[in-house]
N, C-alpha and C. Protein backbone atom coordinates (compact mmCIF):
# COMPACT_ATOMS: atom_id res chain seq x y z
N MET A 1 0.80 -1.21 0.00
CA MET A 1 0.00 0.00 0.00
C MET A 1 0.84 1.28 0.00
N PRO A 2 2.13 1.24 0.43
CA PRO A 2 2.92 2.47 0.30
C PRO A 2 2.94 2.98 -1.14
N GLN A 3 2.72 2.06 -2.09
CA GLN A 3 2.75 2.47 -3.50
C GLN A 3 1.67 3.51 -3.80
N ALA A 4 0.50 3.39 -3.18
CA ALA A 4 -0.57 4.38 -3.40
C ALA A 4 -0.13 5.76 -2.93
N ILE A 5 0.57 5.82 -1.82
CA ILE A 5 1.08 7.11 -1.32
C ILE A 5 2.13 7.65 -2.27
N ILE A 6 3.04 6.80 -2.70
CA ILE A 6 4.09 7.23 -3.63
C ILE A 6 3.47 7.73 -4.93
N ASN A 7 2.46 7.03 -5.42
CA ASN A 7 1.78 7.49 -6.65
C ASN A 7 1.20 8.88 -6.46
N PHE A 8 0.59 9.14 -5.30
CA PHE A 8 0.04 10.47 -5.05
C PHE A 8 1.17 11.50 -4.97
N LEU A 9 2.24 11.18 -4.25
CA LEU A 9 3.35 12.13 -4.12
C LEU A 9 3.93 12.48 -5.48
N GLU A 10 3.91 11.51 -6.40
CA GLU A 10 4.43 11.78 -7.75
C GLU A 10 3.55 12.74 -8.54
N THR A 11 2.30 12.93 -8.12
CA THR A 11 1.46 13.95 -8.78
C THR A 11 1.91 15.35 -8.36
N ILE A 12 2.64 15.44 -7.26
CA ILE A 12 3.17 16.73 -6.79
C ILE A 12 4.51 17.00 -7.45
N HIS A 13 5.37 15.98 -7.49
CA HIS A 13 6.68 16.11 -8.12
C HIS A 13 7.20 14.72 -8.48
N PRO A 14 7.76 14.54 -9.67
CA PRO A 14 8.32 13.23 -10.04
C PRO A 14 9.41 12.81 -9.03
N LEU A 15 9.42 11.54 -8.69
CA LEU A 15 10.37 11.02 -7.71
C LEU A 15 11.32 10.02 -8.36
N PRO A 16 12.62 10.11 -8.08
CA PRO A 16 13.56 9.13 -8.64
C PRO A 16 13.36 7.75 -8.02
N GLY A 17 13.77 6.73 -8.73
CA GLY A 17 13.60 5.35 -8.29
C GLY A 17 14.20 5.06 -6.92
N GLU A 18 15.38 5.61 -6.64
CA GLU A 18 16.04 5.36 -5.35
C GLU A 18 15.21 5.93 -4.20
N LEU A 19 14.60 7.08 -4.43
CA LEU A 19 13.73 7.68 -3.40
C LEU A 19 12.47 6.84 -3.22
N LYS A 20 11.89 6.39 -4.31
CA LYS A 20 10.69 5.55 -4.21
C LYS A 20 10.99 4.29 -3.39
N GLN A 21 12.14 3.70 -3.62
CA GLN A 21 12.53 2.50 -2.88
C GLN A 21 12.69 2.82 -1.39
N ALA A 22 13.34 3.94 -1.10
CA ALA A 22 13.51 4.34 0.31
C ALA A 22 12.16 4.58 0.98
N LEU A 23 11.22 5.18 0.25
CA LEU A 23 9.88 5.40 0.81
C LEU A 23 9.15 4.08 1.03
N MET A 24 9.27 3.16 0.08
CA MET A 24 8.63 1.84 0.24
C MET A 24 9.12 1.15 1.51
N GLU A 25 10.39 1.33 1.83
CA GLU A 25 10.98 0.70 3.01
C GLU A 25 10.66 1.45 4.29
N SER A 26 10.30 2.73 4.19
CA SER A 26 10.12 3.57 5.38
C SER A 26 8.68 3.79 5.80
N ILE A 27 7.75 3.71 4.84
CA ILE A 27 6.34 3.99 5.15
C ILE A 27 5.70 2.77 5.80
N ILE A 28 5.04 3.01 6.91
CA ILE A 28 4.30 1.95 7.61
C ILE A 28 2.81 2.22 7.38
N ILE A 29 2.06 1.20 7.05
CA ILE A 29 0.62 1.31 6.84
C ILE A 29 -0.08 0.67 8.03
N GLU A 30 -1.06 1.40 8.56
CA GLU A 30 -1.78 0.88 9.73
C GLU A 30 -3.19 1.44 9.74
N LYS A 31 -4.11 0.64 10.27
CA LYS A 31 -5.50 1.10 10.46
C LYS A 31 -5.67 1.55 11.90
N PHE A 32 -6.41 2.65 12.07
CA PHE A 32 -6.66 3.20 13.39
C PHE A 32 -8.16 3.33 13.59
N PRO A 33 -8.65 2.95 14.77
CA PRO A 33 -10.09 3.02 15.04
C PRO A 33 -10.55 4.46 15.29
N LYS A 34 -11.83 4.65 15.12
CA LYS A 34 -12.47 5.92 15.44
C LYS A 34 -12.13 6.30 16.89
N HIS A 35 -11.86 7.56 17.13
CA HIS A 35 -11.54 8.15 18.43
C HIS A 35 -10.10 7.92 18.88
N HIS A 36 -9.29 7.22 18.09
CA HIS A 36 -7.89 7.03 18.47
C HIS A 36 -7.17 8.38 18.41
N LYS A 37 -6.38 8.69 19.44
CA LYS A 37 -5.62 9.95 19.47
C LYS A 37 -4.22 9.67 18.92
N LEU A 38 -3.93 10.26 17.77
CA LEU A 38 -2.61 10.11 17.15
C LEU A 38 -1.60 11.04 17.79
N ILE A 39 -2.05 12.25 18.09
CA ILE A 39 -1.17 13.28 18.64
C ILE A 39 -1.85 13.86 19.87
N ARG A 40 -1.06 14.02 20.94
CA ARG A 40 -1.58 14.55 22.21
C ARG A 40 -0.67 15.66 22.71
N PRO A 41 -1.25 16.60 23.46
CA PRO A 41 -0.42 17.66 24.05
C PRO A 41 0.60 17.07 25.01
N GLY A 42 1.75 17.71 25.06
CA GLY A 42 2.78 17.26 25.99
C GLY A 42 3.64 16.13 25.48
N HIS A 43 3.29 15.57 24.32
CA HIS A 43 4.07 14.49 23.72
C HIS A 43 4.72 15.01 22.44
N THR A 44 5.92 14.60 22.19
CA THR A 44 6.60 14.98 20.95
C THR A 44 6.21 14.01 19.86
N CYS A 45 5.56 14.52 18.84
CA CYS A 45 5.16 13.68 17.70
C CYS A 45 6.40 13.35 16.88
N GLU A 46 6.59 12.09 16.57
CA GLU A 46 7.78 11.65 15.83
C GLU A 46 7.46 11.19 14.42
N HIS A 47 6.20 11.36 13.98
CA HIS A 47 5.79 10.86 12.66
C HIS A 47 5.02 11.92 11.89
N VAL A 48 5.00 11.75 10.59
CA VAL A 48 4.06 12.47 9.74
C VAL A 48 3.13 11.40 9.18
N TYR A 49 1.84 11.68 9.25
CA TYR A 49 0.81 10.72 8.84
C TYR A 49 0.20 11.16 7.52
N PHE A 50 -0.02 10.21 6.64
CA PHE A 50 -0.66 10.45 5.35
C PHE A 50 -1.98 9.67 5.35
N VAL A 51 -3.07 10.37 5.09
CA VAL A 51 -4.38 9.72 5.14
C VAL A 51 -4.66 9.02 3.81
N ILE A 52 -4.75 7.71 3.87
CA ILE A 52 -5.14 6.91 2.70
C ILE A 52 -6.66 6.84 2.65
N LYS A 53 -7.25 6.59 3.81
CA LYS A 53 -8.71 6.51 3.91
C LYS A 53 -9.11 6.97 5.30
N GLY A 54 -10.20 7.76 5.37
CA GLY A 54 -10.70 8.21 6.67
C GLY A 54 -10.53 9.71 6.85
N ILE A 55 -10.84 10.15 8.06
CA ILE A 55 -10.76 11.58 8.39
C ILE A 55 -10.15 11.73 9.77
N LEU A 56 -9.25 12.70 9.87
CA LEU A 56 -8.66 13.07 11.16
C LEU A 56 -9.12 14.49 11.49
N ARG A 57 -9.02 14.83 12.76
CA ARG A 57 -9.39 16.18 13.20
C ARG A 57 -8.30 16.71 14.11
N GLY A 58 -7.84 17.92 13.82
CA GLY A 58 -6.91 18.62 14.69
C GLY A 58 -7.70 19.56 15.57
N TYR A 59 -7.38 19.59 16.87
CA TYR A 59 -8.09 20.50 17.75
C TYR A 59 -7.24 20.87 18.96
N TRP A 60 -7.66 21.94 19.62
CA TRP A 60 -7.03 22.44 20.83
C TRP A 60 -8.09 22.46 21.92
N MET A 61 -7.65 22.49 23.14
CA MET A 61 -8.55 22.72 24.26
C MET A 61 -8.42 24.18 24.67
N GLN A 62 -9.55 24.86 24.76
CA GLN A 62 -9.56 26.25 25.17
C GLN A 62 -10.69 26.45 26.17
N ARG A 63 -10.35 26.79 27.38
CA ARG A 63 -11.34 26.93 28.45
C ARG A 63 -12.20 25.68 28.56
N ARG A 64 -11.56 24.52 28.56
CA ARG A 64 -12.20 23.21 28.69
C ARG A 64 -13.16 22.89 27.54
N LYS A 65 -13.02 23.57 26.42
CA LYS A 65 -13.84 23.27 25.24
C LYS A 65 -12.91 22.91 24.09
N GLU A 66 -13.34 21.95 23.28
CA GLU A 66 -12.57 21.58 22.09
C GLU A 66 -12.81 22.61 20.99
N VAL A 67 -11.72 23.07 20.39
CA VAL A 67 -11.80 24.01 19.27
C VAL A 67 -11.15 23.34 18.07
N THR A 68 -11.97 22.94 17.11
CA THR A 68 -11.47 22.27 15.92
C THR A 68 -10.72 23.26 15.04
N VAL A 69 -9.48 22.94 14.71
CA VAL A 69 -8.70 23.83 13.87
C VAL A 69 -8.56 23.32 12.44
N CYS A 70 -8.74 22.00 12.24
CA CYS A 70 -8.65 21.49 10.87
C CYS A 70 -9.20 20.07 10.79
N PHE A 71 -9.56 19.71 9.57
CA PHE A 71 -9.90 18.33 9.23
C PHE A 71 -8.86 17.87 8.23
N ILE A 72 -8.43 16.63 8.35
CA ILE A 72 -7.42 16.07 7.46
C ILE A 72 -8.07 14.89 6.76
N ARG A 73 -8.18 15.00 5.44
CA ARG A 73 -8.88 13.98 4.65
C ARG A 73 -7.90 13.18 3.82
N GLU A 74 -8.45 12.35 2.95
CA GLU A 74 -7.65 11.52 2.06
C GLU A 74 -6.66 12.38 1.28
N ASN A 75 -5.45 11.87 1.13
CA ASN A 75 -4.34 12.53 0.42
C ASN A 75 -3.87 13.80 1.10
N GLU A 76 -4.09 13.89 2.40
CA GLU A 76 -3.56 15.00 3.18
C GLU A 76 -2.70 14.43 4.30
N THR A 77 -1.90 15.31 4.92
CA THR A 77 -0.98 14.87 5.96
C THR A 77 -1.29 15.52 7.30
N ALA A 78 -0.85 14.86 8.36
CA ALA A 78 -0.99 15.39 9.71
C ALA A 78 0.29 15.13 10.48
N THR A 79 0.67 16.11 11.27
CA THR A 79 1.78 15.96 12.21
C THR A 79 1.66 17.10 13.20
N SER A 80 2.56 17.16 14.13
CA SER A 80 2.63 18.28 15.06
C SER A 80 3.68 19.24 14.54
N VAL A 81 3.31 20.51 14.37
CA VAL A 81 4.27 21.51 13.89
C VAL A 81 5.43 21.62 14.87
N ALA A 82 5.14 21.58 16.17
CA ALA A 82 6.21 21.65 17.19
C ALA A 82 7.16 20.46 17.06
N GLY A 83 6.60 19.29 16.81
CA GLY A 83 7.43 18.11 16.64
C GLY A 83 8.22 18.16 15.35
N MET A 84 7.58 18.61 14.29
CA MET A 84 8.20 18.63 12.97
C MET A 84 9.38 19.59 12.89
N PHE A 85 9.21 20.79 13.45
CA PHE A 85 10.25 21.81 13.29
C PHE A 85 11.15 21.98 14.52
N ASN A 86 10.67 21.62 15.69
CA ASN A 86 11.44 21.86 16.91
C ASN A 86 11.73 20.61 17.72
N GLN A 87 11.25 19.46 17.29
CA GLN A 87 11.38 18.22 18.05
C GLN A 87 10.94 18.45 19.50
N ALA A 88 9.82 19.16 19.64
CA ALA A 88 9.30 19.53 20.97
C ALA A 88 7.86 19.05 21.12
N PRO A 89 7.39 18.94 22.35
CA PRO A 89 6.00 18.57 22.56
C PRO A 89 5.05 19.62 22.00
N GLY A 90 3.95 19.16 21.43
CA GLY A 90 2.95 20.07 20.90
C GLY A 90 1.87 20.37 21.92
N LYS A 91 0.94 21.23 21.53
CA LYS A 91 -0.15 21.62 22.43
C LYS A 91 -1.51 21.16 21.94
N GLY A 92 -1.56 20.59 20.75
CA GLY A 92 -2.84 20.20 20.18
C GLY A 92 -3.01 18.69 20.10
N TYR A 93 -4.20 18.33 19.66
CA TYR A 93 -4.58 16.93 19.46
C TYR A 93 -4.82 16.68 17.98
N VAL A 94 -4.59 15.46 17.56
CA VAL A 94 -5.10 14.96 16.28
C VAL A 94 -5.72 13.61 16.60
N ASP A 95 -7.02 13.49 16.29
CA ASP A 95 -7.66 12.20 16.53
C ASP A 95 -8.40 11.73 15.30
N VAL A 96 -8.75 10.45 15.33
CA VAL A 96 -9.40 9.80 14.20
C VAL A 96 -10.92 10.00 14.34
N VAL A 97 -11.53 10.64 13.36
CA VAL A 97 -12.97 10.90 13.38
C VAL A 97 -13.71 9.74 12.73
N GLU A 98 -13.13 9.21 11.69
CA GLU A 98 -13.72 8.12 10.91
C GLU A 98 -12.62 7.07 10.79
N THR A 99 -12.91 5.83 11.08
CA THR A 99 -11.88 4.79 11.02
C THR A 99 -10.96 5.06 9.85
N ALA A 100 -9.65 5.03 10.13
CA ALA A 100 -8.70 5.51 9.13
C ALA A 100 -7.62 4.49 8.82
N GLU A 101 -7.22 4.51 7.57
CA GLU A 101 -6.03 3.78 7.13
C GLU A 101 -4.99 4.84 6.82
N LEU A 102 -3.87 4.77 7.53
CA LEU A 102 -2.84 5.79 7.41
C LEU A 102 -1.52 5.17 7.02
N GLY A 103 -0.74 5.95 6.29
CA GLY A 103 0.65 5.62 6.08
C GLY A 103 1.44 6.62 6.90
N TYR A 104 2.49 6.18 7.56
CA TYR A 104 3.27 7.16 8.30
C TYR A 104 4.76 6.84 8.20
N ILE A 105 5.53 7.89 8.42
CA ILE A 105 6.98 7.80 8.32
C ILE A 105 7.55 8.63 9.47
N ARG A 106 8.68 8.20 9.98
CA ARG A 106 9.31 8.97 11.06
C ARG A 106 9.75 10.34 10.52
N LEU A 107 9.63 11.35 11.35
CA LEU A 107 10.02 12.70 10.93
C LEU A 107 11.51 12.78 10.64
N ASP A 108 12.34 12.10 11.43
CA ASP A 108 13.77 12.15 11.16
C ASP A 108 14.09 11.50 9.81
N THR A 109 13.35 10.46 9.45
CA THR A 109 13.53 9.84 8.13
C THR A 109 13.07 10.78 7.03
N MET A 110 11.95 11.47 7.25
CA MET A 110 11.46 12.44 6.26
C MET A 110 12.51 13.52 6.00
N TRP A 111 13.09 14.07 7.08
CA TRP A 111 14.10 15.12 6.89
C TRP A 111 15.36 14.58 6.22
N GLU A 112 15.75 13.37 6.56
CA GLU A 112 16.93 12.77 5.93
C GLU A 112 16.69 12.58 4.43
N LEU A 113 15.50 12.07 4.06
CA LEU A 113 15.17 11.91 2.64
C LEU A 113 15.09 13.26 1.94
N SER A 114 14.63 14.27 2.63
CA SER A 114 14.57 15.62 2.05
C SER A 114 15.96 16.16 1.75
N ARG A 115 16.92 15.85 2.64
CA ARG A 115 18.31 16.29 2.41
C ARG A 115 18.94 15.51 1.25
N ARG A 116 18.66 14.22 1.19
CA ARG A 116 19.26 13.38 0.15
C ARG A 116 18.64 13.59 -1.22
N PHE A 117 17.33 13.90 -1.23
CA PHE A 117 16.60 14.00 -2.50
C PHE A 117 15.86 15.34 -2.57
N PRO A 118 16.36 16.29 -3.34
CA PRO A 118 15.70 17.59 -3.45
C PRO A 118 14.24 17.46 -3.92
N GLU A 119 13.94 16.43 -4.69
CA GLU A 119 12.57 16.21 -5.16
C GLU A 119 11.63 15.98 -3.98
N PHE A 120 12.12 15.25 -2.97
CA PHE A 120 11.28 14.99 -1.81
C PHE A 120 11.16 16.25 -0.95
N GLY A 121 12.21 17.04 -0.92
CA GLY A 121 12.15 18.33 -0.23
C GLY A 121 11.05 19.20 -0.81
N GLN A 122 10.86 19.13 -2.13
CA GLN A 122 9.79 19.91 -2.77
C GLN A 122 8.42 19.37 -2.38
N VAL A 123 8.30 18.07 -2.20
CA VAL A 123 7.04 17.47 -1.78
C VAL A 123 6.72 17.92 -0.35
N VAL A 124 7.71 17.88 0.53
CA VAL A 124 7.51 18.32 1.91
C VAL A 124 7.11 19.79 1.92
N GLU A 125 7.79 20.60 1.13
CA GLU A 125 7.47 22.03 1.05
C GLU A 125 6.03 22.24 0.57
N TYR A 126 5.58 21.43 -0.38
CA TYR A 126 4.20 21.52 -0.86
C TYR A 126 3.22 21.33 0.29
N PHE A 127 3.44 20.33 1.14
CA PHE A 127 2.52 20.08 2.26
C PHE A 127 2.60 21.18 3.31
N VAL A 128 3.77 21.73 3.54
CA VAL A 128 3.91 22.85 4.49
C VAL A 128 3.15 24.07 3.97
N ARG A 129 3.32 24.38 2.69
CA ARG A 129 2.59 25.52 2.09
C ARG A 129 1.08 25.29 2.14
N ARG A 130 0.66 24.07 1.87
CA ARG A 130 -0.77 23.73 1.92
C ARG A 130 -1.33 23.93 3.32
N TYR A 131 -0.58 23.49 4.32
CA TYR A 131 -1.00 23.68 5.71
C TYR A 131 -1.12 25.17 6.02
N ASN A 132 -0.13 25.96 5.62
CA ASN A 132 -0.16 27.40 5.88
C ASN A 132 -1.37 28.06 5.22
N ARG A 133 -1.70 27.65 4.01
CA ARG A 133 -2.88 28.19 3.32
C ARG A 133 -4.15 27.84 4.09
N GLN A 134 -4.23 26.61 4.60
CA GLN A 134 -5.41 26.20 5.36
C GLN A 134 -5.56 27.01 6.64
N VAL A 135 -4.46 27.26 7.32
CA VAL A 135 -4.51 28.06 8.55
C VAL A 135 -4.98 29.48 8.23
N LEU A 136 -4.43 30.07 7.19
CA LEU A 136 -4.84 31.42 6.78
C LEU A 136 -6.30 31.44 6.36
N ARG A 137 -6.74 30.44 5.59
CA ARG A 137 -8.14 30.37 5.17
C ARG A 137 -9.07 30.28 6.38
N ARG A 138 -8.71 29.44 7.34
CA ARG A 138 -9.55 29.31 8.53
C ARG A 138 -9.61 30.62 9.30
N PHE A 139 -8.48 31.31 9.43
CA PHE A 139 -8.47 32.59 10.14
C PHE A 139 -9.38 33.60 9.43
N ARG A 140 -9.22 33.72 8.13
CA ARG A 140 -10.06 34.67 7.37
C ARG A 140 -11.53 34.29 7.49
N LEU A 141 -11.80 33.02 7.42
CA LEU A 141 -13.17 32.52 7.47
C LEU A 141 -13.83 32.82 8.81
N THR A 142 -13.15 32.52 9.89
CA THR A 142 -13.79 32.65 11.21
C THR A 142 -13.77 34.07 11.73
N VAL A 143 -12.89 34.91 11.25
CA VAL A 143 -12.80 36.27 11.77
C VAL A 143 -13.50 37.28 10.87
N MET A 144 -13.49 37.05 9.59
CA MET A 144 -13.91 38.09 8.66
C MET A 144 -15.25 37.87 7.97
N ARG A 145 -15.92 36.78 8.25
CA ARG A 145 -17.17 36.51 7.53
C ARG A 145 -18.33 36.24 8.48
N PRO A 146 -19.54 36.61 8.03
CA PRO A 146 -20.73 36.27 8.83
C PRO A 146 -20.92 34.75 8.87
N ALA A 147 -21.67 34.29 9.85
CA ALA A 147 -21.85 32.86 10.10
C ALA A 147 -22.31 32.08 8.87
N LYS A 148 -23.32 32.58 8.16
CA LYS A 148 -23.85 31.86 7.00
C LYS A 148 -22.77 31.71 5.92
N GLU A 149 -21.99 32.76 5.69
CA GLU A 149 -20.92 32.68 4.69
C GLU A 149 -19.84 31.69 5.12
N ARG A 150 -19.57 31.62 6.43
CA ARG A 150 -18.58 30.65 6.93
C ARG A 150 -19.00 29.23 6.56
N PHE A 151 -20.27 28.93 6.79
CA PHE A 151 -20.75 27.58 6.50
C PHE A 151 -20.75 27.31 4.99
N GLN A 152 -21.19 28.28 4.20
CA GLN A 152 -21.20 28.09 2.75
C GLN A 152 -19.78 27.89 2.22
N SER A 153 -18.83 28.63 2.78
CA SER A 153 -17.43 28.46 2.37
C SER A 153 -16.93 27.07 2.78
N PHE A 154 -17.31 26.62 3.96
CA PHE A 154 -16.93 25.28 4.41
C PHE A 154 -17.45 24.23 3.43
N LEU A 155 -18.72 24.35 3.03
CA LEU A 155 -19.31 23.39 2.09
C LEU A 155 -18.55 23.38 0.77
N LYS A 156 -18.14 24.54 0.32
CA LYS A 156 -17.41 24.66 -0.95
C LYS A 156 -16.01 24.05 -0.83
N ASN A 157 -15.31 24.36 0.27
CA ASN A 157 -13.93 23.92 0.43
C ASN A 157 -13.79 22.47 0.90
N TYR A 158 -14.83 21.94 1.52
CA TYR A 158 -14.80 20.57 2.03
C TYR A 158 -16.04 19.81 1.55
N PRO A 159 -16.19 19.60 0.25
CA PRO A 159 -17.40 18.94 -0.25
C PRO A 159 -17.62 17.57 0.40
N GLY A 160 -18.84 17.35 0.85
CA GLY A 160 -19.22 16.06 1.43
C GLY A 160 -18.79 15.84 2.86
N LEU A 161 -17.89 16.67 3.38
CA LEU A 161 -17.38 16.45 4.72
C LEU A 161 -18.45 16.62 5.79
N VAL A 162 -19.40 17.50 5.55
CA VAL A 162 -20.46 17.75 6.52
C VAL A 162 -21.27 16.47 6.82
N HIS A 163 -21.22 15.51 5.90
CA HIS A 163 -21.94 14.24 6.09
C HIS A 163 -21.05 13.16 6.72
N ARG A 164 -19.76 13.47 6.91
CA ARG A 164 -18.83 12.47 7.42
C ARG A 164 -18.34 12.74 8.84
N VAL A 165 -18.54 13.96 9.31
CA VAL A 165 -18.08 14.31 10.66
C VAL A 165 -19.25 14.86 11.47
N PRO A 166 -19.21 14.70 12.79
CA PRO A 166 -20.29 15.25 13.61
C PRO A 166 -20.42 16.76 13.44
N LEU A 167 -21.66 17.23 13.41
CA LEU A 167 -21.94 18.65 13.20
C LEU A 167 -21.26 19.52 14.26
N LYS A 168 -21.10 19.01 15.48
CA LYS A 168 -20.46 19.81 16.53
C LYS A 168 -19.01 20.13 16.17
N TYR A 169 -18.33 19.24 15.43
CA TYR A 169 -16.96 19.51 15.01
C TYR A 169 -16.94 20.58 13.92
N VAL A 170 -17.89 20.50 13.00
CA VAL A 170 -17.99 21.52 11.94
C VAL A 170 -18.26 22.88 12.59
N ALA A 171 -19.22 22.91 13.52
CA ALA A 171 -19.55 24.17 14.21
C ALA A 171 -18.32 24.73 14.90
N SER A 172 -17.60 23.89 15.62
CA SER A 172 -16.40 24.32 16.32
C SER A 172 -15.37 24.90 15.35
N SER A 173 -15.21 24.27 14.20
CA SER A 173 -14.22 24.75 13.23
C SER A 173 -14.61 26.11 12.64
N LEU A 174 -15.89 26.45 12.71
CA LEU A 174 -16.38 27.72 12.16
C LEU A 174 -16.63 28.76 13.25
N ALA A 175 -16.24 28.44 14.48
CA ALA A 175 -16.46 29.33 15.63
C ALA A 175 -17.94 29.64 15.82
N LEU A 176 -18.75 28.59 15.70
CA LEU A 176 -20.20 28.70 15.90
C LEU A 176 -20.64 27.68 16.95
N THR A 177 -21.79 27.92 17.53
CA THR A 177 -22.36 26.89 18.39
C THR A 177 -23.06 25.87 17.49
N PRO A 178 -23.21 24.64 17.95
CA PRO A 178 -23.94 23.65 17.14
C PRO A 178 -25.37 24.11 16.84
N GLU A 179 -26.00 24.79 17.77
CA GLU A 179 -27.37 25.26 17.56
C GLU A 179 -27.44 26.30 16.44
N THR A 180 -26.49 27.23 16.43
CA THR A 180 -26.45 28.25 15.36
C THR A 180 -26.22 27.58 14.02
N LEU A 181 -25.29 26.64 13.97
CA LEU A 181 -25.02 25.96 12.71
C LEU A 181 -26.24 25.17 12.25
N SER A 182 -26.95 24.52 13.15
CA SER A 182 -28.16 23.78 12.78
C SER A 182 -29.20 24.72 12.16
N ARG A 183 -29.37 25.91 12.73
CA ARG A 183 -30.32 26.88 12.16
C ARG A 183 -29.90 27.33 10.77
N ILE A 184 -28.61 27.60 10.61
CA ILE A 184 -28.10 28.03 9.30
C ILE A 184 -28.30 26.92 8.28
N LYS A 185 -27.96 25.71 8.66
CA LYS A 185 -28.08 24.55 7.76
C LYS A 185 -29.54 24.32 7.37
N ALA A 186 -30.45 24.46 8.32
CA ALA A 186 -31.88 24.25 8.05
C ALA A 186 -32.43 25.32 7.12
N ALA A 187 -31.88 26.53 7.16
CA ALA A 187 -32.38 27.64 6.35
C ALA A 187 -31.86 27.60 4.89
N LEU A 188 -30.83 26.79 4.64
CA LEU A 188 -30.29 26.71 3.29
C LEU A 188 -31.14 25.77 2.44
N PRO A 189 -31.19 26.00 1.13
CA PRO A 189 -31.88 25.05 0.25
C PRO A 189 -31.27 23.66 0.40
N PRO A 190 -32.08 22.60 0.29
CA PRO A 190 -31.61 21.22 0.55
C PRO A 190 -30.36 20.82 -0.25
N HIS A 191 -30.25 21.22 -1.48
CA HIS A 191 -29.09 20.81 -2.30
C HIS A 191 -27.82 21.52 -1.91
N THR A 192 -27.90 22.57 -1.10
CA THR A 192 -26.73 23.37 -0.74
C THR A 192 -25.79 22.64 0.19
N SER A 193 -26.31 21.82 1.09
CA SER A 193 -25.45 21.22 2.12
C SER A 193 -24.86 19.87 1.70
N HIS A 194 -24.39 19.77 0.48
CA HIS A 194 -23.76 18.52 0.01
C HIS A 194 -22.28 18.60 0.12
């Protein structure tokens, strides 16, 4: 199954044979049950996870409430930024929302392959830039738009996700209460919430 991940990575940048072989030997494939916590505060994350199937959710605790900061779907990656760049414990969680099949690789192996193969460095850079765009999009969405527009933008940017994750997580990611989101969702035409 590492081949499926390698095939996807090659859509970002062509990879030389030696790198593909190193990835085949380094990627571990594993299934994780719903509610499994991949990343926890106070622990240093040592892996980067690639979602083959399923959905993950990144969140923080703020005043004893979960605040969803992102959803990670198929062909996306998850790790702790603190672990990735500082080899330090992070402050957030990443858990499995929908039973997931993940491929993962040690962060030290990822950095070593990035040094040895500039092509892989470009793939890593692609995922870092993608993460930064998602953070900026979420900030603009939750701070600068009215509630209804936030939900409509969510539907556009995450097609079908509203049917795969609990509504309370969607509400949290949009800085809304579940009740407010339910009212907004009910007021939209039926075909809109796909």
